[in-house]
N, C-alpha and C. Protein backbone atom coordinates (compact mmCIF):
# COMPACT_ATOMS: atom_id res chain seq x y z
N MET A 1 0.84 -1.19 0.00
CA MET A 1 0.00 0.00 0.00
C MET A 1 0.89 1.25 0.00
N ASN A 2 0.55 2.20 -0.79
CA ASN A 2 1.30 3.45 -0.87
C ASN A 2 0.53 4.53 -0.10
N CYS A 3 1.14 4.99 0.97
CA CYS A 3 0.51 6.03 1.80
C CYS A 3 1.36 7.29 1.73
N LEU A 4 0.93 8.25 0.95
CA LEU A 4 1.62 9.53 0.81
C LEU A 4 3.04 9.41 0.30
N GLY A 5 3.35 8.34 -0.38
CA GLY A 5 4.68 8.14 -0.92
C GLY A 5 5.74 7.83 0.12
N ILE A 6 5.32 7.37 1.29
CA ILE A 6 6.25 7.04 2.37
C ILE A 6 6.84 5.67 2.10
N PRO A 7 8.16 5.53 2.13
CA PRO A 7 8.79 4.24 1.85
C PRO A 7 8.34 3.14 2.82
N ALA A 8 8.39 1.91 2.37
CA ALA A 8 7.92 0.76 3.16
C ALA A 8 8.73 0.55 4.43
N ASN A 9 9.96 1.04 4.48
CA ASN A 9 10.77 0.83 5.68
C ASN A 9 10.50 1.89 6.77
N TYR A 10 9.50 2.75 6.58
CA TYR A 10 9.06 3.72 7.57
C TYR A 10 7.72 3.28 8.14
N LYS A 11 7.44 3.67 9.36
CA LYS A 11 6.15 3.41 9.99
C LYS A 11 5.43 4.73 10.17
N VAL A 12 4.11 4.71 10.05
CA VAL A 12 3.29 5.90 10.22
C VAL A 12 2.42 5.71 11.45
N LEU A 13 2.44 6.68 12.34
CA LEU A 13 1.60 6.64 13.54
C LEU A 13 0.57 7.75 13.44
N PHE A 14 -0.66 7.43 13.68
CA PHE A 14 -1.71 8.42 13.77
C PHE A 14 -2.11 8.47 15.24
N LEU A 15 -1.80 9.57 15.89
CA LEU A 15 -2.00 9.69 17.33
C LEU A 15 -3.08 10.72 17.64
N GLN A 16 -3.86 10.41 18.66
CA GLN A 16 -4.85 11.36 19.13
C GLN A 16 -4.16 12.37 20.04
N GLY A 17 -4.64 13.56 20.05
CA GLY A 17 -4.09 14.58 20.94
C GLY A 17 -3.79 15.85 20.18
N GLY A 18 -3.87 16.93 20.89
CA GLY A 18 -3.59 18.21 20.29
C GLY A 18 -2.19 18.68 20.59
N ALA A 19 -1.99 19.97 20.47
CA ALA A 19 -0.67 20.55 20.68
C ALA A 19 -0.16 20.32 22.10
N SER A 20 -1.04 20.31 23.08
CA SER A 20 -0.59 20.14 24.46
C SER A 20 -0.06 18.73 24.72
N LEU A 21 -0.35 17.79 23.86
CA LEU A 21 0.25 16.46 23.98
C LEU A 21 1.77 16.54 23.87
N GLN A 22 2.25 17.52 23.13
CA GLN A 22 3.70 17.68 22.95
C GLN A 22 4.42 18.05 24.25
N PHE A 23 3.69 18.58 25.23
CA PHE A 23 4.31 18.89 26.52
C PHE A 23 4.86 17.64 27.18
N ALA A 24 4.24 16.50 26.94
CA ALA A 24 4.74 15.22 27.47
C ALA A 24 5.66 14.54 26.47
N MET A 25 5.33 14.64 25.19
CA MET A 25 6.11 13.94 24.16
C MET A 25 7.55 14.45 24.07
N LEU A 26 7.75 15.76 24.21
CA LEU A 26 9.12 16.30 24.12
C LEU A 26 10.04 15.74 25.20
N PRO A 27 9.68 15.84 26.48
CA PRO A 27 10.60 15.28 27.48
C PRO A 27 10.71 13.76 27.41
N MET A 28 9.65 13.08 27.01
CA MET A 28 9.70 11.62 26.91
C MET A 28 10.68 11.18 25.83
N ASN A 29 10.79 11.94 24.76
CA ASN A 29 11.61 11.53 23.63
C ASN A 29 12.97 12.22 23.55
N LEU A 30 13.08 13.43 24.04
CA LEU A 30 14.33 14.17 23.87
C LEU A 30 15.21 14.20 25.11
N ARG A 31 14.62 14.06 26.28
CA ARG A 31 15.43 14.05 27.51
C ARG A 31 15.72 12.60 27.87
N THR A 32 16.88 12.14 27.51
CA THR A 32 17.23 10.74 27.73
C THR A 32 17.79 10.49 29.12
N SER A 33 18.39 11.49 29.72
CA SER A 33 18.92 11.35 31.07
C SER A 33 19.10 12.73 31.68
N GLY A 34 19.32 12.78 32.96
CA GLY A 34 19.56 14.06 33.62
C GLY A 34 18.29 14.86 33.78
N SER A 35 18.48 16.14 34.00
CA SER A 35 17.34 17.02 34.22
C SER A 35 17.17 17.97 33.05
N ALA A 36 16.07 18.70 33.08
CA ALA A 36 15.81 19.70 32.06
C ALA A 36 15.46 21.01 32.76
N ASP A 37 15.97 22.11 32.25
CA ASP A 37 15.61 23.42 32.75
C ASP A 37 14.51 24.00 31.87
N TYR A 38 13.61 24.72 32.50
CA TYR A 38 12.51 25.37 31.79
C TYR A 38 12.55 26.86 32.12
N ILE A 39 12.32 27.68 31.14
CA ILE A 39 12.15 29.11 31.35
C ILE A 39 10.66 29.38 31.20
N VAL A 40 10.02 29.65 32.32
CA VAL A 40 8.56 29.78 32.39
C VAL A 40 8.20 31.25 32.21
N THR A 41 7.63 31.56 31.03
CA THR A 41 7.32 32.95 30.71
C THR A 41 5.85 33.18 30.37
N GLY A 42 5.02 32.15 30.52
CA GLY A 42 3.61 32.30 30.21
C GLY A 42 2.85 31.02 30.51
N THR A 43 1.58 31.05 30.18
CA THR A 43 0.70 29.92 30.49
C THR A 43 1.14 28.64 29.81
N TRP A 44 1.56 28.72 28.55
CA TRP A 44 1.95 27.51 27.83
C TRP A 44 3.22 26.90 28.40
N SER A 45 4.22 27.72 28.69
CA SER A 45 5.45 27.16 29.26
C SER A 45 5.22 26.67 30.69
N LYS A 46 4.30 27.29 31.41
CA LYS A 46 3.95 26.81 32.76
C LYS A 46 3.34 25.41 32.67
N THR A 47 2.47 25.20 31.70
CA THR A 47 1.85 23.90 31.51
C THR A 47 2.89 22.86 31.08
N ALA A 48 3.79 23.24 30.20
CA ALA A 48 4.86 22.34 29.76
C ALA A 48 5.75 21.95 30.94
N PHE A 49 6.06 22.92 31.79
CA PHE A 49 6.90 22.66 32.97
C PHE A 49 6.22 21.68 33.92
N LYS A 50 4.94 21.88 34.19
CA LYS A 50 4.20 20.97 35.08
C LYS A 50 4.17 19.55 34.53
N GLU A 51 3.98 19.42 33.24
CA GLU A 51 3.94 18.09 32.61
C GLU A 51 5.29 17.41 32.69
N ALA A 52 6.36 18.16 32.45
CA ALA A 52 7.71 17.60 32.49
C ALA A 52 8.09 17.15 33.90
N GLN A 53 7.56 17.82 34.92
CA GLN A 53 7.85 17.44 36.31
C GLN A 53 7.36 16.03 36.61
N LYS A 54 6.34 15.59 35.92
CA LYS A 54 5.81 14.24 36.11
C LYS A 54 6.76 13.17 35.57
N LEU A 55 7.68 13.59 34.70
CA LEU A 55 8.50 12.63 33.97
C LEU A 55 9.96 12.59 34.40
N GLY A 56 10.35 13.42 35.35
CA GLY A 56 11.74 13.39 35.79
C GLY A 56 12.19 14.70 36.38
N ALA A 57 13.47 14.78 36.65
CA ALA A 57 14.05 15.96 37.28
C ALA A 57 13.89 17.18 36.38
N THR A 58 13.29 18.22 36.93
CA THR A 58 12.98 19.42 36.18
C THR A 58 13.23 20.63 37.07
N HIS A 59 13.75 21.70 36.50
CA HIS A 59 14.09 22.90 37.25
C HIS A 59 13.64 24.12 36.47
N ALA A 60 13.02 25.08 37.15
CA ALA A 60 12.65 26.35 36.51
C ALA A 60 13.86 27.29 36.60
N ALA A 61 14.56 27.45 35.51
CA ALA A 61 15.72 28.33 35.47
C ALA A 61 15.30 29.78 35.62
N ALA A 62 14.09 30.10 35.16
CA ALA A 62 13.52 31.43 35.32
C ALA A 62 12.01 31.28 35.31
N ASN A 63 11.33 32.15 36.06
CA ASN A 63 9.87 32.08 36.12
C ASN A 63 9.35 33.50 36.34
N THR A 64 8.56 33.99 35.39
CA THR A 64 8.02 35.34 35.48
C THR A 64 6.56 35.36 35.93
N GLU A 65 6.10 34.26 36.52
CA GLU A 65 4.69 34.19 36.95
C GLU A 65 4.37 35.20 38.04
N ALA A 66 5.31 35.52 38.91
CA ALA A 66 5.07 36.43 40.04
C ALA A 66 4.54 37.78 39.58
N ASP A 67 4.95 38.25 38.39
CA ASP A 67 4.44 39.53 37.89
C ASP A 67 3.37 39.34 36.81
N GLY A 68 2.75 38.18 36.80
CA GLY A 68 1.69 37.92 35.83
C GLY A 68 2.20 37.70 34.43
N PHE A 69 3.42 37.24 34.30
CA PHE A 69 4.05 36.99 33.00
C PHE A 69 4.15 38.27 32.17
N LYS A 70 4.38 39.39 32.84
CA LYS A 70 4.45 40.68 32.14
C LYS A 70 5.88 41.13 31.84
N SER A 71 6.85 40.34 32.26
CA SER A 71 8.25 40.69 31.98
C SER A 71 8.92 39.52 31.28
N SER A 72 10.07 39.81 30.69
CA SER A 72 10.83 38.73 30.08
C SER A 72 11.66 38.06 31.17
N ALA A 73 12.16 36.90 30.86
CA ALA A 73 12.93 36.15 31.84
C ALA A 73 14.28 36.79 32.11
N GLY A 74 14.75 37.63 31.21
CA GLY A 74 16.05 38.24 31.39
C GLY A 74 17.16 37.22 31.24
N GLN A 75 18.33 37.57 31.66
CA GLN A 75 19.45 36.66 31.56
C GLN A 75 19.42 35.72 32.75
N THR A 76 19.47 34.44 32.48
CA THR A 76 19.46 33.44 33.55
C THR A 76 20.67 32.54 33.39
N ARG A 77 21.01 31.89 34.45
CA ARG A 77 22.13 30.95 34.40
C ARG A 77 21.64 29.62 34.92
N SER A 78 21.78 28.61 34.13
CA SER A 78 21.38 27.28 34.54
C SER A 78 22.32 26.77 35.61
N ARG A 79 21.78 26.07 36.57
CA ARG A 79 22.64 25.52 37.62
C ARG A 79 23.49 24.36 37.10
N SER A 80 23.20 23.91 35.89
CA SER A 80 23.98 22.82 35.30
C SER A 80 25.24 23.31 34.61
N GLU A 81 25.36 24.61 34.41
CA GLU A 81 26.54 25.23 33.83
C GLU A 81 27.02 24.56 32.54
N GLY A 82 26.15 24.48 31.56
CA GLY A 82 26.54 23.98 30.25
C GLY A 82 26.45 22.48 30.06
N ARG A 83 26.15 21.73 31.09
CA ARG A 83 26.06 20.27 30.96
C ARG A 83 24.61 19.82 30.86
N LEU A 84 23.73 20.72 30.58
CA LEU A 84 22.30 20.45 30.60
C LEU A 84 21.86 19.71 29.33
N PRO A 85 21.17 18.58 29.48
CA PRO A 85 20.70 17.86 28.29
C PRO A 85 19.53 18.53 27.58
N ALA A 86 18.75 19.36 28.31
CA ALA A 86 17.58 19.97 27.67
C ALA A 86 17.26 21.31 28.31
N LEU A 87 16.89 22.28 27.50
CA LEU A 87 16.42 23.58 27.96
C LEU A 87 15.18 23.92 27.15
N HIS A 88 14.07 24.18 27.83
CA HIS A 88 12.80 24.48 27.16
C HIS A 88 12.51 25.96 27.29
N ILE A 89 12.40 26.63 26.16
CA ILE A 89 12.00 28.04 26.13
C ILE A 89 10.80 28.12 25.21
N GLN A 90 9.74 28.72 25.70
CA GLN A 90 8.54 28.82 24.87
C GLN A 90 8.04 30.22 24.84
């Protein structure tokens, strides 16, 4: 069967879920070990951070929720000092 011209040695997955499903899919697939830092600058990154916390070590490198997400995160320094496997900015 020819499906969109995809070669036979590839598999196609049709998954249920919207964009917010990616909040779990990203850390499940891209963070193979260690922790991930998140820069929380709004509702979407806050949701992504909460979802990632369910899946392993997670740290908010910056969080602007205290002022209602009305400022930028500014310059932050990860506590991992360059050895971080993942950094999420949204």
